[in-house]
Amino acid sequence: MVLAGAEPGRMWFDSIDRPALALGPAVAACAAEGGRLASERDLTEAIRAELPGGMSMIERWTSEFGNTQVNTVLWTDGDTAFDDTSVGGWIGRDPPQTLRPYRCMWTNEVR
C-alpha cells in the first residue's frame, strides 16, 4: 500500500491472518521478522485500501491497549465503509491472554 505525500510512505502487511496466539507471542513473532503488530489505525488505512483476507466473524489483534483489554478488529473484504470508531461493530476488546489471529506489518514511514 502506497501512502500520499511528497515522499510517499509504504506499508506492507501479511496478506492472510497468522495463526491465533496470545498478544505477547504475537508481538514477539512480528518483531522477530523486523515488523510489528499492526495498529488499529494502520489496519484501518489498509482495509480501506482493500487489504485482502478480511472475514467479518474473526477478530484480530491490534497494538491498541486500553486498561486491561486490547482492541481487536473485524472486517470483510471490500468493506470500504470500515469505521474504526465503531466498538461492537468492527472493533472489539479482549484480555491479552485470549488467542486471536493477527497481522504483522512493516513500513518505511518514520514514526
N, C-alpha and C. Protein backbone atom coordinates (compact mmCIF):
# COMPACT_ATOMS: atom_id res chain seq x y z
N MET A 1 0.85 -1.17 0.00
CA MET A 1 0.00 0.00 0.00
C MET A 1 0.90 1.23 0.00
N VAL A 2 0.65 2.18 -0.93
CA VAL A 2 1.43 3.42 -1.02
C VAL A 2 0.60 4.54 -0.40
N LEU A 3 1.21 5.32 0.47
CA LEU A 3 0.53 6.42 1.15
C LEU A 3 0.80 7.73 0.44
N ALA A 4 -0.06 8.71 0.64
CA ALA A 4 0.08 10.02 -0.01
C ALA A 4 1.25 10.79 0.57
N GLY A 5 1.73 11.77 -0.20
CA GLY A 5 2.77 12.65 0.29
C GLY A 5 3.86 12.86 -0.75
N ALA A 6 4.70 13.90 -0.54
CA ALA A 6 5.78 14.19 -1.46
C ALA A 6 6.76 13.02 -1.52
N GLU A 7 7.06 12.44 -0.38
CA GLU A 7 7.87 11.22 -0.30
C GLU A 7 6.95 10.14 0.26
N PRO A 8 6.19 9.47 -0.60
CA PRO A 8 5.17 8.55 -0.10
C PRO A 8 5.74 7.43 0.76
N GLY A 9 5.07 7.22 1.87
CA GLY A 9 5.42 6.09 2.71
C GLY A 9 4.81 4.82 2.16
N ARG A 10 5.33 3.72 2.57
CA ARG A 10 4.78 2.43 2.16
C ARG A 10 4.57 1.57 3.39
N MET A 11 3.51 0.80 3.35
CA MET A 11 3.24 -0.17 4.41
C MET A 11 3.03 -1.53 3.75
N TRP A 12 3.55 -2.57 4.39
CA TRP A 12 3.34 -3.93 3.95
C TRP A 12 2.68 -4.69 5.08
N PHE A 13 1.76 -5.56 4.74
CA PHE A 13 1.04 -6.36 5.72
C PHE A 13 1.07 -7.82 5.31
N ASP A 14 0.93 -8.70 6.29
CA ASP A 14 0.65 -10.09 5.95
C ASP A 14 -0.61 -10.10 5.10
N SER A 15 -0.63 -10.92 4.06
CA SER A 15 -1.82 -10.96 3.20
C SER A 15 -2.91 -11.86 3.76
N ILE A 16 -2.55 -12.71 4.70
CA ILE A 16 -3.54 -13.54 5.39
C ILE A 16 -3.24 -13.50 6.89
N ASP A 17 -4.24 -13.88 7.67
CA ASP A 17 -4.05 -13.91 9.11
C ASP A 17 -3.03 -14.96 9.52
N ARG A 18 -2.24 -14.63 10.52
CA ARG A 18 -1.35 -15.61 11.14
C ARG A 18 -2.17 -16.41 12.15
N PRO A 19 -1.73 -17.63 12.47
CA PRO A 19 -2.47 -18.45 13.44
C PRO A 19 -2.62 -17.75 14.79
N ALA A 20 -3.72 -18.06 15.46
CA ALA A 20 -4.06 -17.41 16.73
C ALA A 20 -3.00 -17.64 17.80
N LEU A 21 -2.64 -16.53 18.46
CA LEU A 21 -1.72 -16.53 19.60
C LEU A 21 -2.24 -15.54 20.63
N ALA A 22 -1.72 -15.63 21.84
CA ALA A 22 -1.95 -14.57 22.83
C ALA A 22 -1.19 -13.33 22.35
N LEU A 23 -1.50 -12.18 22.91
CA LEU A 23 -0.93 -10.92 22.44
C LEU A 23 0.60 -10.90 22.51
N GLY A 24 1.19 -11.27 23.64
CA GLY A 24 2.65 -11.21 23.79
C GLY A 24 3.39 -12.01 22.73
N PRO A 25 3.04 -13.28 22.52
CA PRO A 25 3.70 -14.04 21.47
C PRO A 25 3.46 -13.49 20.07
N ALA A 26 2.30 -12.88 19.83
CA ALA A 26 2.03 -12.28 18.52
C ALA A 26 2.96 -11.09 18.28
N VAL A 27 3.12 -10.24 19.29
CA VAL A 27 4.04 -9.09 19.19
C VAL A 27 5.46 -9.59 18.95
N ALA A 28 5.87 -10.61 19.69
CA ALA A 28 7.22 -11.15 19.56
C ALA A 28 7.45 -11.76 18.17
N ALA A 29 6.45 -12.43 17.63
CA ALA A 29 6.59 -13.05 16.30
C ALA A 29 6.79 -11.98 15.22
N CYS A 30 6.04 -10.89 15.32
CA CYS A 30 6.22 -9.80 14.34
C CYS A 30 7.61 -9.18 14.48
N ALA A 31 8.01 -8.91 15.72
CA ALA A 31 9.32 -8.29 15.97
C ALA A 31 10.45 -9.18 15.48
N ALA A 32 10.31 -10.49 15.60
CA ALA A 32 11.35 -11.42 15.17
C ALA A 32 11.59 -11.35 13.67
N GLU A 33 10.59 -10.84 12.93
CA GLU A 33 10.73 -10.70 11.48
C GLU A 33 10.95 -9.26 11.06
N GLY A 34 11.28 -8.39 12.03
CA GLY A 34 11.56 -6.99 11.72
C GLY A 34 10.32 -6.14 11.52
N GLY A 35 9.16 -6.65 11.90
CA GLY A 35 7.92 -5.90 11.76
C GLY A 35 7.34 -5.58 13.12
N ARG A 36 6.06 -5.27 13.11
CA ARG A 36 5.35 -5.02 14.35
C ARG A 36 3.91 -5.43 14.18
N LEU A 37 3.24 -5.63 15.29
CA LEU A 37 1.81 -5.93 15.25
C LEU A 37 1.10 -4.70 14.72
N ALA A 38 0.22 -4.89 13.76
CA ALA A 38 -0.47 -3.75 13.14
C ALA A 38 -1.33 -3.01 14.15
N SER A 39 -1.30 -1.69 14.07
CA SER A 39 -2.16 -0.87 14.93
C SER A 39 -3.55 -0.78 14.32
N GLU A 40 -4.48 -0.32 15.12
CA GLU A 40 -5.85 -0.12 14.64
C GLU A 40 -5.87 0.87 13.48
N ARG A 41 -5.12 1.97 13.61
CA ARG A 41 -5.06 2.98 12.55
C ARG A 41 -4.48 2.43 11.25
N ASP A 42 -3.37 1.69 11.37
CA ASP A 42 -2.75 1.14 10.18
C ASP A 42 -3.65 0.10 9.50
N LEU A 43 -4.30 -0.73 10.31
CA LEU A 43 -5.24 -1.69 9.73
C LEU A 43 -6.39 -0.97 9.04
N THR A 44 -6.89 0.11 9.64
CA THR A 44 -7.98 0.88 9.04
C THR A 44 -7.57 1.41 7.67
N GLU A 45 -6.38 2.00 7.58
CA GLU A 45 -5.90 2.51 6.29
C GLU A 45 -5.77 1.38 5.27
N ALA A 46 -5.23 0.26 5.70
CA ALA A 46 -5.05 -0.86 4.78
C ALA A 46 -6.38 -1.48 4.35
N ILE A 47 -7.32 -1.59 5.27
CA ILE A 47 -8.63 -2.15 4.93
C ILE A 47 -9.32 -1.25 3.92
N ARG A 48 -9.27 0.05 4.13
CA ARG A 48 -9.89 0.98 3.18
C ARG A 48 -9.20 0.93 1.82
N ALA A 49 -7.92 0.50 1.79
CA ALA A 49 -7.19 0.33 0.53
C ALA A 49 -7.30 -1.12 0.04
N GLU A 50 -8.27 -1.86 0.59
CA GLU A 50 -8.62 -3.21 0.16
C GLU A 50 -7.59 -4.27 0.56
N LEU A 51 -7.14 -4.24 1.79
CA LEU A 51 -6.31 -5.32 2.33
C LEU A 51 -7.08 -6.62 2.18
N PRO A 52 -6.47 -7.66 1.61
CA PRO A 52 -7.21 -8.91 1.40
C PRO A 52 -7.34 -9.75 2.68
N GLY A 53 -8.23 -10.70 2.62
CA GLY A 53 -8.32 -11.72 3.66
C GLY A 53 -9.23 -11.40 4.81
N GLY A 54 -10.03 -10.33 4.72
CA GLY A 54 -10.91 -9.98 5.84
C GLY A 54 -12.16 -10.84 5.89
N MET A 55 -12.37 -11.47 7.03
CA MET A 55 -13.57 -12.26 7.27
C MET A 55 -14.22 -11.69 8.52
N SER A 56 -15.46 -11.24 8.42
CA SER A 56 -16.07 -10.45 9.48
C SER A 56 -16.26 -11.18 10.81
N MET A 57 -16.25 -12.49 10.83
CA MET A 57 -16.50 -13.20 12.07
C MET A 57 -15.23 -13.51 12.85
N ILE A 58 -14.08 -13.02 12.38
CA ILE A 58 -12.80 -13.29 13.05
C ILE A 58 -12.22 -11.99 13.59
N GLU A 59 -12.00 -11.94 14.90
CA GLU A 59 -11.36 -10.77 15.50
C GLU A 59 -9.85 -10.95 15.45
N ARG A 60 -9.12 -9.89 15.09
CA ARG A 60 -7.66 -9.91 15.01
C ARG A 60 -7.09 -8.92 16.01
N TRP A 61 -5.91 -9.26 16.56
CA TRP A 61 -5.23 -8.35 17.49
C TRP A 61 -4.82 -7.07 16.79
N THR A 62 -4.80 -5.98 17.56
CA THR A 62 -4.13 -4.74 17.16
C THR A 62 -3.14 -4.41 18.27
N SER A 63 -2.37 -3.37 18.07
CA SER A 63 -1.42 -2.96 19.11
C SER A 63 -2.02 -1.86 19.99
N GLU A 64 -3.33 -1.71 20.00
CA GLU A 64 -4.01 -0.67 20.77
C GLU A 64 -4.48 -1.22 22.11
N PHE A 65 -3.97 -0.65 23.20
CA PHE A 65 -4.30 -1.08 24.54
C PHE A 65 -5.27 -0.11 25.20
N GLY A 66 -6.12 -0.63 26.06
CA GLY A 66 -6.99 0.21 26.87
C GLY A 66 -7.25 -0.49 28.19
N ASN A 67 -6.73 0.04 29.27
CA ASN A 67 -6.83 -0.60 30.59
C ASN A 67 -6.25 -2.00 30.51
N THR A 68 -7.05 -3.02 30.79
CA THR A 68 -6.56 -4.40 30.77
C THR A 68 -6.97 -5.12 29.49
N GLN A 69 -7.53 -4.41 28.55
CA GLN A 69 -8.03 -5.01 27.31
C GLN A 69 -7.24 -4.49 26.12
N VAL A 70 -7.28 -5.26 25.03
CA VAL A 70 -6.60 -4.89 23.79
C VAL A 70 -7.66 -4.85 22.69
N ASN A 71 -7.60 -3.82 21.84
CA ASN A 71 -8.56 -3.72 20.75
C ASN A 71 -8.33 -4.80 19.71
N THR A 72 -9.43 -5.30 19.18
CA THR A 72 -9.40 -6.25 18.08
C THR A 72 -10.16 -5.64 16.91
N VAL A 73 -9.91 -6.13 15.70
CA VAL A 73 -10.55 -5.60 14.50
C VAL A 73 -11.18 -6.73 13.72
N LEU A 74 -12.41 -6.49 13.22
CA LEU A 74 -13.05 -7.42 12.29
C LEU A 74 -13.41 -6.67 11.03
N TRP A 75 -13.29 -7.30 9.88
CA TRP A 75 -13.74 -6.68 8.64
C TRP A 75 -13.97 -7.76 7.60
N THR A 76 -14.69 -7.38 6.55
CA THR A 76 -14.95 -8.24 5.41
C THR A 76 -14.28 -7.62 4.20
N ASP A 77 -13.69 -8.43 3.33
CA ASP A 77 -13.06 -7.89 2.12
C ASP A 77 -13.97 -6.91 1.41
N GLY A 78 -13.40 -5.81 0.95
CA GLY A 78 -14.14 -4.83 0.18
C GLY A 78 -15.02 -3.91 1.00
N ASP A 79 -14.89 -3.93 2.33
CA ASP A 79 -15.72 -3.09 3.19
C ASP A 79 -15.12 -1.70 3.28
N THR A 80 -15.40 -0.85 2.28
CA THR A 80 -14.82 0.50 2.25
C THR A 80 -15.45 1.41 3.28
N ALA A 81 -16.54 0.98 3.91
CA ALA A 81 -17.18 1.77 4.96
C ALA A 81 -16.59 1.45 6.33
N PHE A 82 -15.54 0.66 6.38
CA PHE A 82 -14.93 0.27 7.65
C PHE A 82 -14.69 1.50 8.51
N ASP A 83 -15.11 1.42 9.75
CA ASP A 83 -15.03 2.56 10.68
C ASP A 83 -14.43 2.08 11.99
N ASP A 84 -13.21 2.51 12.28
CA ASP A 84 -12.53 2.02 13.48
C ASP A 84 -13.02 2.70 14.75
N THR A 85 -14.09 3.51 14.67
CA THR A 85 -14.66 4.10 15.88
C THR A 85 -15.88 3.33 16.36
N SER A 86 -16.27 2.30 15.62
CA SER A 86 -17.50 1.57 15.92
C SER A 86 -17.22 0.36 16.81
N VAL A 87 -17.15 0.57 18.11
CA VAL A 87 -16.95 -0.54 19.04
C VAL A 87 -18.21 -1.41 19.02
N GLY A 88 -18.01 -2.69 18.89
CA GLY A 88 -19.13 -3.62 18.80
C GLY A 88 -19.49 -3.96 17.37
N GLY A 89 -19.11 -3.10 16.41
CA GLY A 89 -19.33 -3.39 15.01
C GLY A 89 -18.06 -3.96 14.41
N TRP A 90 -17.06 -3.08 14.28
CA TRP A 90 -15.79 -3.50 13.70
C TRP A 90 -14.69 -3.66 14.75
N ILE A 91 -14.85 -3.02 15.88
CA ILE A 91 -13.81 -3.04 16.91
C ILE A 91 -14.33 -3.78 18.14
N GLY A 92 -13.51 -4.68 18.65
CA GLY A 92 -13.83 -5.39 19.87
C GLY A 92 -12.71 -5.21 20.87
N ARG A 93 -12.82 -5.84 22.02
CA ARG A 93 -11.77 -5.77 23.04
C ARG A 93 -11.67 -7.12 23.73
N ASP A 94 -10.45 -7.53 24.00
CA ASP A 94 -10.20 -8.81 24.67
C ASP A 94 -9.03 -8.70 25.62
N PRO A 95 -8.99 -9.56 26.66
CA PRO A 95 -7.80 -9.64 27.51
C PRO A 95 -6.62 -10.17 26.69
N PRO A 96 -5.39 -9.76 26.99
CA PRO A 96 -4.24 -10.13 26.17
C PRO A 96 -3.91 -11.62 26.13
N GLN A 97 -4.44 -12.39 27.06
CA GLN A 97 -4.15 -13.83 27.02
C GLN A 97 -5.08 -14.60 26.08
N THR A 98 -6.10 -13.92 25.54
CA THR A 98 -7.01 -14.55 24.57
C THR A 98 -6.22 -14.92 23.32
N LEU A 99 -6.56 -16.03 22.71
CA LEU A 99 -5.91 -16.43 21.46
C LEU A 99 -6.65 -15.80 20.29
N ARG A 100 -5.94 -14.99 19.51
CA ARG A 100 -6.52 -14.31 18.35
C ARG A 100 -5.55 -14.37 17.18
N PRO A 101 -6.05 -14.47 15.94
CA PRO A 101 -5.16 -14.30 14.79
C PRO A 101 -4.69 -12.85 14.74
N TYR A 102 -3.72 -12.57 13.90
CA TYR A 102 -3.15 -11.23 13.84
C TYR A 102 -2.47 -11.02 12.51
N ARG A 103 -2.09 -9.79 12.23
CA ARG A 103 -1.32 -9.44 11.03
C ARG A 103 -0.11 -8.63 11.46
N CYS A 104 1.03 -8.98 10.91
CA CYS A 104 2.23 -8.16 11.10
C CYS A 104 2.26 -7.12 9.99
N MET A 105 2.96 -6.04 10.27
CA MET A 105 3.14 -5.01 9.25
C MET A 105 4.57 -4.49 9.28
N TRP A 106 4.96 -3.91 8.17
CA TRP A 106 6.27 -3.29 8.01
C TRP A 106 6.03 -1.96 7.32
N THR A 107 6.85 -0.96 7.60
CA THR A 107 6.69 0.34 6.96
C THR A 107 8.02 1.04 6.83
N ASN A 108 8.10 1.93 5.85
CA ASN A 108 9.29 2.77 5.71
C ASN A 108 9.01 4.17 6.26
N GLU A 109 7.84 4.39 6.85
CA GLU A 109 7.50 5.67 7.45
C GLU A 109 8.33 5.89 8.72
N VAL A 110 8.69 7.13 8.96
CA VAL A 110 9.33 7.48 10.22
C VAL A 110 8.20 7.77 11.20
N ARG A 111 8.19 7.07 12.32
CA ARG A 111 7.09 7.24 13.28
C ARG A 111 7.62 7.65 14.62
